[in-house]
PDB file of all heavy atoms in Angstrom:
ATOM      1  N   ASP A   1       0.867  -1.171   0.000  1.00  0.00           N
ATOM      2  CA  ASP A   1       0.000   0.000   0.000  1.00  0.00           C
ATOM      3  C   ASP A   1       0.909   1.228   0.000  1.00  0.00           C
ATOM      4  O   ASP A   1       1.675   1.442   0.939  1.00  0.00           O
ATOM      5  CB  ASP A   1      -0.900  -0.015   1.245  1.00  0.00           C
ATOM      6  CG  ASP A   1      -1.786   1.217   1.352  1.00  0.00           C
ATOM      7  OD1 ASP A   1      -1.690   2.096   0.465  1.00  0.00           O
ATOM      8  OD2 ASP A   1      -2.555   1.303   2.322  1.00  0.00           O
ATOM      9  N   SER A   2       0.838   2.021  -1.048  1.00  0.00           N
ATOM     10  CA  SER A   2       1.775   3.135  -1.208  1.00  0.00           C
ATOM     11  C   SER A   2       1.620   4.219  -0.153  1.00  0.00           C
ATOM     12  O   SER A   2       2.495   5.062   0.010  1.00  0.00           O
ATOM     13  CB  SER A   2       1.599   3.766  -2.593  1.00  0.00           C
ATOM     14  OG  SER A   2       0.291   4.326  -2.699  1.00  0.00           O
ATOM     15  N   SER A   3       0.537   4.177   0.599  1.00  0.00           N
ATOM     16  CA  SER A   3       0.330   5.218   1.610  1.00  0.00           C
ATOM     17  C   SER A   3       1.293   5.081   2.787  1.00  0.00           C
ATOM     18  O   SER A   3       1.482   6.018   3.558  1.00  0.00           O
ATOM     19  CB  SER A   3      -1.119   5.176   2.123  1.00  0.00           C
ATOM     20  OG  SER A   3      -1.370   3.941   2.782  1.00  0.00           O
ATOM     21  N   THR A   4       1.901   3.883   2.924  1.00  0.00           N
ATOM     22  CA  THR A   4       2.823   3.647   4.032  1.00  0.00           C
ATOM     23  C   THR A   4       4.184   3.210   3.483  1.00  0.00           C
ATOM     24  O   THR A   4       4.267   2.271   2.698  1.00  0.00           O
ATOM     25  CB  THR A   4       2.288   2.539   4.964  1.00  0.00           C
ATOM     26  OG1 THR A   4       0.958   2.852   5.349  1.00  0.00           O
ATOM     27  CG2 THR A   4       3.159   2.415   6.202  1.00  0.00           C
ATOM     28  N   TYR A   5       5.248   3.866   3.930  1.00  0.00           N
ATOM     29  CA  TYR A   5       6.609   3.507   3.522  1.00  0.00           C
ATOM     30  C   TYR A   5       7.027   2.193   4.182  1.00  0.00           C
ATOM     31  O   TYR A   5       6.794   1.985   5.370  1.00  0.00           O
ATOM     32  CB  TYR A   5       7.579   4.621   3.924  1.00  0.00           C
ATOM     33  CG  TYR A   5       9.037   4.311   3.655  1.00  0.00           C
ATOM     34  CD1 TYR A   5       9.546   4.323   2.356  1.00  0.00           C
ATOM     35  CD2 TYR A   5       9.900   4.009   4.704  1.00  0.00           C
ATOM     36  CE1 TYR A   5      10.884   4.055   2.113  1.00  0.00           C
ATOM     37  CE2 TYR A   5      11.249   3.743   4.468  1.00  0.00           C
ATOM     38  CZ  TYR A   5      11.730   3.761   3.169  1.00  0.00           C
ATOM     39  OH  TYR A   5      13.053   3.488   2.928  1.00  0.00           O
ATOM     40  N   LYS A   6       7.624   1.319   3.396  1.00  0.00           N
ATOM     41  CA  LYS A   6       8.072   0.015   3.906  1.00  0.00           C
ATOM     42  C   LYS A   6       9.563  -0.185   3.613  1.00  0.00           C
ATOM     43  O   LYS A   6      10.075   0.266   2.580  1.00  0.00           O
ATOM     44  CB  LYS A   6       7.302  -1.129   3.227  1.00  0.00           C
ATOM     45  CG  LYS A   6       5.785  -1.024   3.288  1.00  0.00           C
ATOM     46  CD  LYS A   6       5.232  -1.503   4.606  1.00  0.00           C
ATOM     47  CE  LYS A   6       3.702  -1.541   4.571  1.00  0.00           C
ATOM     48  NZ  LYS A   6       3.124  -1.971   5.853  1.00  0.00           N
ATOM     49  N   VAL A   7      10.221  -0.888   4.523  1.00  0.00           N
ATOM     50  CA  VAL A   7      11.594  -1.342   4.282  1.00  0.00           C
ATOM     51  C   VAL A   7      11.538  -2.858   4.095  1.00  0.00           C
ATOM     52  O   VAL A   7      11.067  -3.586   4.974  1.00  0.00           O
ATOM     53  CB  VAL A   7      12.522  -0.993   5.466  1.00  0.00           C
ATOM     54  CG1 VAL A   7      13.922  -1.566   5.224  1.00  0.00           C
ATOM     55  CG2 VAL A   7      12.599   0.516   5.653  1.00  0.00           C
ATOM     56  N   ILE A   8      11.981  -3.313   2.943  1.00  0.00           N
ATOM     57  CA  ILE A   8      11.995  -4.750   2.639  1.00  0.00           C
ATOM     58  C   ILE A   8      13.422  -5.248   2.834  1.00  0.00           C
ATOM     59  O   ILE A   8      14.358  -4.771   2.180  1.00  0.00           O
ATOM     60  CB  ILE A   8      11.501  -5.016   1.202  1.00  0.00           C
ATOM     61  CG1 ILE A   8      10.057  -4.513   1.048  1.00  0.00           C
ATOM     62  CG2 ILE A   8      11.596  -6.501   0.871  1.00  0.00           C
ATOM     63  CD1 ILE A   8       9.534  -4.578  -0.373  1.00  0.00           C
ATOM     64  N   VAL A   9      13.578  -6.197   3.744  1.00  0.00           N
ATOM     65  CA  VAL A   9      14.909  -6.632   4.171  1.00  0.00           C
ATOM     66  C   VAL A   9      15.197  -8.047   3.677  1.00  0.00           C
ATOM     67  O   VAL A   9      14.454  -8.979   3.972  1.00  0.00           O
ATOM     68  CB  VAL A   9      15.028  -6.608   5.715  1.00  0.00           C
ATOM     69  CG1 VAL A   9      16.442  -6.977   6.140  1.00  0.00           C
ATOM     70  CG2 VAL A   9      14.641  -5.240   6.260  1.00  0.00           C
ATOM     71  N   ASN A  10      16.295  -8.183   2.945  1.00  0.00           N
ATOM     72  CA  ASN A  10      16.764  -9.508   2.548  1.00  0.00           C
ATOM     73  C   ASN A  10      17.520 -10.127   3.704  1.00  0.00           C
ATOM     74  O   ASN A  10      18.643  -9.728   4.010  1.00  0.00           O
ATOM     75  CB  ASN A  10      17.710  -9.377   1.352  1.00  0.00           C
ATOM     76  CG  ASN A  10      17.077  -9.853   0.070  1.00  0.00           C
ATOM     77  OD1 ASN A  10      16.152 -10.649   0.095  1.00  0.00           O
ATOM     78  ND2 ASN A  10      17.573  -9.369  -1.049  1.00  0.00           N
ATOM     79  N   LYS A  11      16.915 -11.077   4.399  1.00  0.00           N
ATOM     80  CA  LYS A  11      17.606 -11.817   5.456  1.00  0.00           C
ATOM     81  C   LYS A  11      18.080 -13.164   4.920  1.00  0.00           C
ATOM     82  O   LYS A  11      19.000 -13.776   5.451  1.00  0.00           O
ATOM     83  CB  LYS A  11      16.657 -12.027   6.652  1.00  0.00           C
ATOM     84  CG  LYS A  11      17.346 -12.320   7.965  1.00  0.00           C
ATOM     85  CD  LYS A  11      18.077 -11.105   8.508  1.00  0.00           C
ATOM     86  CE  LYS A  11      18.667 -11.354   9.885  1.00  0.00           C
ATOM     87  NZ  LYS A  11      19.504 -10.239  10.334  1.00  0.00           N
ATOM     88  N   SER A  12      17.416 -13.633   3.857  1.00  0.00           N
ATOM     89  CA  SER A  12      17.856 -14.865   3.201  1.00  0.00           C
ATOM     90  C   SER A  12      19.234 -14.646   2.598  1.00  0.00           C
ATOM     91  O   SER A  12      19.571 -13.542   2.170  1.00  0.00           O
ATOM     92  CB  SER A  12      16.879 -15.260   2.085  1.00  0.00           C
ATOM     93  OG  SER A  12      15.572 -15.454   2.575  1.00  0.00           O
ATOM     94  N   THR A  13      20.047 -15.717   2.576  1.00  0.00           N
ATOM     95  CA  THR A  13      21.347 -15.631   1.921  1.00  0.00           C
ATOM     96  C   THR A  13      21.126 -15.763   0.426  1.00  0.00           C
ATOM     97  O   THR A  13      20.761 -16.834  -0.065  1.00  0.00           O
ATOM     98  CB  THR A  13      22.290 -16.731   2.437  1.00  0.00           C
ATOM     99  OG1 THR A  13      22.424 -16.596   3.853  1.00  0.00           O
ATOM    100  CG2 THR A  13      23.664 -16.607   1.796  1.00  0.00           C
ATOM    101  N   VAL A  14      21.312 -14.656  -0.279  1.00  0.00           N
ATOM    102  CA  VAL A  14      20.971 -14.604  -1.705  1.00  0.00           C
ATOM    103  C   VAL A  14      22.202 -14.250  -2.529  1.00  0.00           C
ATOM    104  O   VAL A  14      23.150 -13.656  -2.027  1.00  0.00           O
ATOM    105  CB  VAL A  14      19.861 -13.562  -1.954  1.00  0.00           C
ATOM    106  CG1 VAL A  14      18.530 -14.040  -1.390  1.00  0.00           C
ATOM    107  CG2 VAL A  14      20.233 -12.211  -1.337  1.00  0.00           C
ATOM    108  N   PRO A  15      22.190 -14.623  -3.812  1.00  0.00           N
ATOM    109  CA  PRO A  15      23.343 -14.309  -4.668  1.00  0.00           C
ATOM    110  C   PRO A  15      23.633 -12.803  -4.692  1.00  0.00           C
ATOM    111  O   PRO A  15      22.725 -11.977  -4.555  1.00  0.00           O
ATOM    112  CB  PRO A  15      22.896 -14.802  -6.046  1.00  0.00           C
ATOM    113  CG  PRO A  15      21.884 -15.859  -5.752  1.00  0.00           C
ATOM    114  CD  PRO A  15      21.173 -15.403  -4.525  1.00  0.00           C
ATOM    115  N   ILE A  16      24.899 -12.464  -4.880  1.00  0.00           N
ATOM    116  CA  ILE A  16      25.314 -11.069  -4.905  1.00  0.00           C
ATOM    117  C   ILE A  16      24.615 -10.358  -6.065  1.00  0.00           C
ATOM    118  O   ILE A  16      24.612 -10.845  -7.195  1.00  0.00           O
ATOM    119  CB  ILE A  16      26.844 -10.976  -5.030  1.00  0.00           C
ATOM    120  CG1 ILE A  16      27.484 -11.613  -3.785  1.00  0.00           C
ATOM    121  CG2 ILE A  16      27.300  -9.537  -5.170  1.00  0.00           C
ATOM    122  CD1 ILE A  16      28.776 -12.297  -4.032  1.00  0.00           C
ATOM    123  N   GLY A  17      24.014  -9.207  -5.757  1.00  0.00           N
ATOM    124  CA  GLY A  17      23.237  -8.476  -6.756  1.00  0.00           C
ATOM    125  C   GLY A  17      21.749  -8.680  -6.605  1.00  0.00           C
ATOM    126  O   GLY A  17      20.949  -8.116  -7.363  1.00  0.00           O
ATOM    127  N   SER A  18      21.344  -9.483  -5.621  1.00  0.00           N
ATOM    128  CA  SER A  18      19.925  -9.813  -5.464  1.00  0.00           C
ATOM    129  C   SER A  18      19.095  -8.666  -4.915  1.00  0.00           C
ATOM    130  O   SER A  18      17.874  -8.688  -5.030  1.00  0.00           O
ATOM    131  CB  SER A  18      19.758 -11.037  -4.557  1.00  0.00           C
ATOM    132  OG  SER A  18      20.261 -12.186  -5.183  1.00  0.00           O
ATOM    133  N   GLY A  19      19.741  -7.667  -4.283  1.00  0.00           N
ATOM    134  CA  GLY A  19      18.980  -6.539  -3.752  1.00  0.00           C
ATOM    135  C   GLY A  19      18.218  -5.822  -4.853  1.00  0.00           C
ATOM    136  O   GLY A  19      17.008  -5.577  -4.744  1.00  0.00           O
ATOM    137  N   ASP A  20      18.906  -5.511  -5.945  1.00  0.00           N
ATOM    138  CA  ASP A  20      18.257  -4.856  -7.077  1.00  0.00           C
ATOM    139  C   ASP A  20      17.244  -5.791  -7.730  1.00  0.00           C
ATOM    140  O   ASP A  20      16.194  -5.350  -8.210  1.00  0.00           O
ATOM    141  CB  ASP A  20      19.302  -4.422  -8.107  1.00  0.00           C
ATOM    142  CG  ASP A  20      20.201  -3.309  -7.574  1.00  0.00           C
ATOM    143  OD1 ASP A  20      19.737  -2.540  -6.707  1.00  0.00           O
ATOM    144  OD2 ASP A  20      21.365  -3.225  -8.004  1.00  0.00           O
ATOM    145  N   TRP A  21      17.567  -7.075  -7.761  1.00  0.00           N
ATOM    146  CA  TRP A  21      16.658  -8.071  -8.344  1.00  0.00           C
ATOM    147  C   TRP A  21      15.373  -8.160  -7.533  1.00  0.00           C
ATOM    148  O   TRP A  21      14.274  -8.209  -8.103  1.00  0.00           O
ATOM    149  CB  TRP A  21      17.380  -9.418  -8.401  1.00  0.00           C
ATOM    150  CG  TRP A  21      16.536 -10.577  -8.827  1.00  0.00           C
ATOM    151  CD1 TRP A  21      16.112 -10.873 -10.094  1.00  0.00           C
ATOM    152  CD2 TRP A  21      16.011 -11.617  -7.981  1.00  0.00           C
ATOM    153  NE1 TRP A  21      15.357 -12.026 -10.094  1.00  0.00           N
ATOM    154  CE2 TRP A  21      15.282 -12.498  -8.801  1.00  0.00           C
ATOM    155  CE3 TRP A  21      16.102 -11.869  -6.612  1.00  0.00           C
ATOM    156  CZ2 TRP A  21      14.640 -13.622  -8.301  1.00  0.00           C
ATOM    157  CZ3 TRP A  21      15.466 -12.991  -6.104  1.00  0.00           C
ATOM    158  CH2 TRP A  21      14.744 -13.857  -6.936  1.00  0.00           C
ATOM    159  N   VAL A  22      15.493  -8.170  -6.206  1.00  0.00           N
ATOM    160  CA  VAL A  22      14.301  -8.216  -5.347  1.00  0.00           C
ATOM    161  C   VAL A  22      13.434  -6.984  -5.575  1.00  0.00           C
ATOM    162  O   VAL A  22      12.210  -7.074  -5.668  1.00  0.00           O
ATOM    163  CB  VAL A  22      14.701  -8.329  -3.851  1.00  0.00           C
ATOM    164  CG1 VAL A  22      13.520  -7.985  -2.943  1.00  0.00           C
ATOM    165  CG2 VAL A  22      15.198  -9.731  -3.548  1.00  0.00           C
ATOM    166  N   ARG A  23      14.072  -5.815  -5.686  1.00  0.00           N
ATOM    167  CA  ARG A  23      13.316  -4.595  -5.963  1.00  0.00           C
ATOM    168  C   ARG A  23      12.529  -4.725  -7.268  1.00  0.00           C
ATOM    169  O   ARG A  23      11.356  -4.363  -7.349  1.00  0.00           O
ATOM    170  CB  ARG A  23      14.253  -3.392  -6.040  1.00  0.00           C
ATOM    171  CG  ARG A  23      13.516  -2.083  -6.296  1.00  0.00           C
ATOM    172  CD  ARG A  23      14.423  -0.863  -6.265  1.00  0.00           C
ATOM    173  NE  ARG A  23      13.623   0.335  -6.433  1.00  0.00           N
ATOM    174  CZ  ARG A  23      12.951   0.932  -5.459  1.00  0.00           C
ATOM    175  NH1 ARG A  23      12.996   0.450  -4.233  1.00  0.00           N
ATOM    176  NH2 ARG A  23      12.228   2.013  -5.697  1.00  0.00           N
ATOM    177  N   MET A  24      13.156  -5.289  -8.286  1.00  0.00           N
ATOM    178  CA  MET A  24      12.498  -5.487  -9.576  1.00  0.00           C
ATOM    179  C   MET A  24      11.302  -6.426  -9.449  1.00  0.00           C
ATOM    180  O   MET A  24      10.222  -6.160  -9.997  1.00  0.00           O
ATOM    181  CB  MET A  24      13.504  -6.049 -10.583  1.00  0.00           C
ATOM    182  CG  MET A  24      12.944  -6.310 -11.964  1.00  0.00           C
ATOM    183  SD  MET A  24      14.184  -7.084 -13.047  1.00  0.00           S
ATOM    184  CE  MET A  24      14.213  -8.762 -12.368  1.00  0.00           C
ATOM    185  N   ILE A  25      11.481  -7.523  -8.700  1.00  0.00           N
ATOM    186  CA  ILE A  25      10.396  -8.494  -8.547  1.00  0.00           C
ATOM    187  C   ILE A  25       9.237  -7.887  -7.743  1.00  0.00           C
ATOM    188  O   ILE A  25       8.062  -8.110  -8.067  1.00  0.00           O
ATOM    189  CB  ILE A  25      10.907  -9.783  -7.856  1.00  0.00           C
ATOM    190  CG1 ILE A  25      12.020 -10.436  -8.681  1.00  0.00           C
ATOM    191  CG2 ILE A  25       9.763 -10.761  -7.635  1.00  0.00           C
ATOM    192  CD1 ILE A  25      11.617 -10.844 -10.074  1.00  0.00           C
ATOM    193  N   VAL A  26       9.556  -7.123  -6.692  1.00  0.00           N
ATOM    194  CA  VAL A  26       8.506  -6.456  -5.919  1.00  0.00           C
ATOM    195  C   VAL A  26       7.714  -5.519  -6.832  1.00  0.00           C
ATOM    196  O   VAL A  26       6.471  -5.492  -6.802  1.00  0.00           O
ATOM    197  CB  VAL A  26       9.102  -5.665  -4.727  1.00  0.00           C
ATOM    198  CG1 VAL A  26       8.019  -4.809  -4.062  1.00  0.00           C
ATOM    199  CG2 VAL A  26       9.703  -6.626  -3.699  1.00  0.00           C
ATOM    200  N   LEU A  27       8.431  -4.758  -7.662  1.00  0.00           N
ATOM    201  CA  LEU A  27       7.750  -3.841  -8.591  1.00  0.00           C
ATOM    202  C   LEU A  27       6.911  -4.599  -9.612  1.00  0.00           C
ATOM    203  O   LEU A  27       5.854  -4.117 -10.028  1.00  0.00           O
ATOM    204  CB  LEU A  27       8.778  -2.955  -9.292  1.00  0.00           C
ATOM    205  CG  LEU A  27       9.425  -1.876  -8.410  1.00  0.00           C
ATOM    206  CD1 LEU A  27      10.564  -1.190  -9.143  1.00  0.00           C
ATOM    207  CD2 LEU A  27       8.389  -0.870  -7.937  1.00  0.00           C
ATOM    208  N   ASP A  28       7.374  -5.802 -10.005  1.00  0.00           N
ATOM    209  CA  ASP A  28       6.549  -6.647 -10.886  1.00  0.00           C
ATOM    210  C   ASP A  28       5.243  -7.017 -10.193  1.00  0.00           C
ATOM    211  O   ASP A  28       4.165  -7.008 -10.808  1.00  0.00           O
ATOM    212  CB  ASP A  28       7.302  -7.927 -11.260  1.00  0.00           C
ATOM    213  CG  ASP A  28       8.404  -7.691 -12.287  1.00  0.00           C
ATOM    214  OD1 ASP A  28       8.435  -6.584 -12.867  1.00  0.00           O
ATOM    215  OD2 ASP A  28       9.222  -8.608 -12.492  1.00  0.00           O
ATOM    216  N   GLY A  29       5.341  -7.346  -8.893  1.00  0.00           N
ATOM    217  CA  GLY A  29       4.136  -7.666  -8.123  1.00  0.00           C
ATOM    218  C   GLY A  29       3.203  -6.476  -8.009  1.00  0.00           C
ATOM    219  O   GLY A  29       1.980  -6.609  -8.112  1.00  0.00           O
ATOM    220  N   VAL A  30       3.822  -5.292  -7.806  1.00  0.00           N
ATOM    221  CA  VAL A  30       3.025  -4.059  -7.749  1.00  0.00           C
ATOM    222  C   VAL A  30       2.315  -3.830  -9.079  1.00  0.00           C
ATOM    223  O   VAL A  30       1.118  -3.511  -9.134  1.00  0.00           O
ATOM    224  CB  VAL A  30       3.922  -2.845  -7.414  1.00  0.00           C
ATOM    225  CG1 VAL A  30       3.144  -1.542  -7.551  1.00  0.00           C
ATOM    226  CG2 VAL A  30       4.487  -2.972  -6.002  1.00  0.00           C
ATOM    227  N   ALA A  31       3.048  -4.012 -10.186  1.00  0.00           N
ATOM    228  CA  ALA A  31       2.480  -3.793 -11.524  1.00  0.00           C
ATOM    229  C   ALA A  31       1.309  -4.728 -11.791  1.00  0.00           C
ATOM    230  O   ALA A  31       0.293  -4.318 -12.380  1.00  0.00           O
ATOM    231  CB  ALA A  31       3.572  -3.989 -12.578  1.00  0.00           C
ATOM    232  N   GLU A  32       1.446  -5.989 -11.359  1.00  0.00           N
ATOM    233  CA  GLU A  32       0.347  -6.936 -11.543  1.00  0.00           C
ATOM    234  C   GLU A  32      -0.885  -6.499 -10.770  1.00  0.00           C
ATOM    235  O   GLU A  32      -2.013  -6.610 -11.253  1.00  0.00           O
ATOM    236  CB  GLU A  32       0.801  -8.333 -11.105  1.00  0.00           C
ATOM    237  CG  GLU A  32       1.834  -8.961 -12.038  1.00  0.00           C
ATOM    238  CD  GLU A  32       2.457 -10.222 -11.469  1.00  0.00           C
ATOM    239  OE1 GLU A  32       1.920 -10.758 -10.470  1.00  0.00           O
ATOM    240  OE2 GLU A  32       3.494 -10.673 -11.996  1.00  0.00           O
ATOM    241  N   ARG A  33      -0.662  -5.995  -9.541  1.00  0.00           N
ATOM    242  CA  ARG A  33      -1.795  -5.513  -8.744  1.00  0.00           C
ATOM    243  C   ARG A  33      -2.443  -4.294  -9.408  1.00  0.00           C
ATOM    244  O   ARG A  33      -3.672  -4.198  -9.485  1.00  0.00           O
ATOM    245  CB  ARG A  33      -1.325  -5.157  -7.333  1.00  0.00           C
ATOM    246  CG  ARG A  33      -2.405  -4.524  -6.449  1.00  0.00           C
ATOM    247  CD  ARG A  33      -1.917  -4.334  -5.029  1.00  0.00           C
ATOM    248  NE  ARG A  33      -0.775  -3.444  -4.941  1.00  0.00           N
ATOM    249  CZ  ARG A  33      -0.865  -2.109  -4.880  1.00  0.00           C
ATOM    250  NH1 ARG A  33      -2.037  -1.523  -4.930  1.00  0.00           N
ATOM    251  NH2 ARG A  33       0.229  -1.371  -4.798  1.00  0.00           N
ATOM    252  N   LEU A  34      -1.607  -3.377  -9.882  1.00  0.00           N
ATOM    253  CA  LEU A  34      -2.129  -2.173 -10.532  1.00  0.00           C
ATOM    254  C   LEU A  34      -2.920  -2.520 -11.787  1.00  0.00           C
ATOM    255  O   LEU A  34      -3.960  -1.919 -12.065  1.00  0.00           O
ATOM    256  CB  LEU A  34      -0.980  -1.230 -10.891  1.00  0.00           C
ATOM    257  CG  LEU A  34      -0.203  -0.624  -9.716  1.00  0.00           C
ATOM    258  CD1 LEU A  34       0.883   0.309 -10.217  1.00  0.00           C
ATOM    259  CD2 LEU A  34      -1.127   0.103  -8.760  1.00  0.00           C
ATOM    260  N   LYS A  35      -2.401  -3.498 -12.524  1.00  0.00           N
ATOM    261  CA  LYS A  35      -3.085  -3.924 -13.742  1.00  0.00           C
ATOM    262  C   LYS A  35      -4.473  -4.447 -13.427  1.00  0.00           C
ATOM    263  O   LYS A  35      -5.445  -4.131 -14.116  1.00  0.00           O
ATOM    264  CB  LYS A  35      -2.259  -4.996 -14.447  1.00  0.00           C
ATOM    265  CG  LYS A  35      -2.805  -5.417 -15.801  1.00  0.00           C
ATOM    266  CD  LYS A  35      -1.884  -6.442 -16.452  1.00  0.00           C
ATOM    267  CE  LYS A  35      -2.451  -6.881 -17.803  1.00  0.00           C
ATOM    268  NZ  LYS A  35      -1.572  -7.906 -18.447  1.00  0.00           N
ATOM    269  N   SER A  36      -4.568  -5.242 -12.348  1.00  0.00           N
ATOM    270  CA  SER A  36      -5.880  -5.782 -11.971  1.00  0.00           C
ATOM    271  C   SER A  36      -6.804  -4.677 -11.472  1.00  0.00           C
ATOM    272  O   SER A  36      -8.004  -4.701 -11.726  1.00  0.00           O
ATOM    273  CB  SER A  36      -5.719  -6.863 -10.893  1.00  0.00           C
ATOM    274  OG  SER A  36      -5.202  -6.309  -9.699  1.00  0.00           O
ATOM    275  N   LEU A  37      -6.237  -3.679 -10.772  1.00  0.00           N
ATOM    276  CA  LEU A  37      -7.057  -2.559 -10.293  1.00  0.00           C
ATOM    277  C   LEU A  37      -7.576  -1.726 -11.448  1.00  0.00           C
ATOM    278  O   LEU A  37      -8.744  -1.307 -11.462  1.00  0.00           O
ATOM    279  CB  LEU A  37      -6.232  -1.673  -9.347  1.00  0.00           C
ATOM    280  CG  LEU A  37      -5.943  -2.218  -7.948  1.00  0.00           C
ATOM    281  CD1 LEU A  37      -4.977  -1.294  -7.209  1.00  0.00           C
ATOM    282  CD2 LEU A  37      -7.228  -2.377  -7.144  1.00  0.00           C
ATOM    283  N   VAL A  38      -6.702  -1.482 -12.430  1.00  0.00           N
ATOM    284  CA  VAL A  38      -7.097  -0.697 -13.606  1.00  0.00           C
ATOM    285  C   VAL A  38      -8.186  -1.420 -14.379  1.00  0.00           C
ATOM    286  O   VAL A  38      -9.174  -0.831 -14.809  1.00  0.00           O
ATOM    287  CB  VAL A  38      -5.868  -0.427 -14.509  1.00  0.00           C
ATOM    288  CG1 VAL A  38      -6.293   0.133 -15.854  1.00  0.00           C
ATOM    289  CG2 VAL A  38      -4.914   0.540 -13.820  1.00  0.00           C
ATOM    290  N   THR A  39      -7.986  -2.750 -14.534  1.00  0.00           N
ATOM    291  CA  THR A  39      -8.975  -3.552 -15.259  1.00  0.00           C
ATOM    292  C   THR A  39     -10.313  -3.532 -14.546  1.00  0.00           C
ATOM    293  O   THR A  39     -11.373  -3.356 -15.163  1.00  0.00           O
ATOM    294  CB  THR A  39      -8.483  -5.009 -15.399  1.00  0.00           C
ATOM    295  OG1 THR A  39      -7.222  -5.004 -16.053  1.00  0.00           O
ATOM    296  CG2 THR A  39      -9.474  -5.847 -16.177  1.00  0.00           C
ATOM    297  N   ALA A  40     -10.261  -3.683 -13.210  1.00  0.00           N
ATOM    298  CA  ALA A  40     -11.498  -3.707 -12.435  1.00  0.00           C
ATOM    299  C   ALA A  40     -12.182  -2.350 -12.415  1.00  0.00           C
ATOM    300  O   ALA A  40     -13.410  -2.249 -12.443  1.00  0.00           O
ATOM    301  CB  ALA A  40     -11.205  -4.161 -11.005  1.00  0.00           C
ATOM    302  N   GLY A  41     -11.368  -1.275 -12.385  1.00  0.00           N
ATOM    303  CA  GLY A  41     -11.942   0.067 -12.262  1.00  0.00           C
ATOM    304  C   GLY A  41     -12.236   0.743 -13.570  1.00  0.00           C
ATOM    305  O   GLY A  41     -12.871   1.806 -13.592  1.00  0.00           O
ATOM    306  N   GLY A  42     -11.738   0.176 -14.661  1.00  0.00           N
ATOM    307  CA  GLY A  42     -11.989   0.773 -15.965  1.00  0.00           C
ATOM    308  C   GLY A  42     -11.126   1.980 -16.268  1.00  0.00           C
ATOM    309  O   GLY A  42     -11.323   2.666 -17.265  1.00  0.00           O
ATOM    310  N   SER A  43     -10.119   2.272 -15.399  1.00  0.00           N
ATOM    311  CA  SER A  43      -9.244   3.415 -15.604  1.00  0.00           C
ATOM    312  C   SER A  43      -8.165   3.066 -16.612  1.00  0.00           C
ATOM    313  O   SER A  43      -7.793   1.900 -16.772  1.00  0.00           O
ATOM    314  CB  SER A  43      -8.610   3.829 -14.271  1.00  0.00           C
ATOM    315  OG  SER A  43      -7.664   4.832 -14.474  1.00  0.00           O
ATOM    316  N   SER A  44      -7.629   4.075 -17.303  1.00  0.00           N
ATOM    317  CA  SER A  44      -6.628   3.817 -18.331  1.00  0.00           C
ATOM    318  C   SER A  44      -5.222   3.734 -17.769  1.00  0.00           C
ATOM    319  O   SER A  44      -4.341   3.136 -18.357  1.00  0.00           O
ATOM    320  CB  SER A  44      -6.680   4.904 -19.405  1.00  0.00           C
ATOM    321  OG  SER A  44      -6.466   6.168 -18.802  1.00  0.00           O
TER     322      SER A  44
END
């Protein structure tokens, strides 16, 4: 929910460079949610 700032913490041992990758995947999840909201609401 964009109204509240969140810190997403990688505690899992992940390959080097995964911080940027996680950010990309989170944004993919956000985009999927936005797409469904736009579709449901009829907004462009």
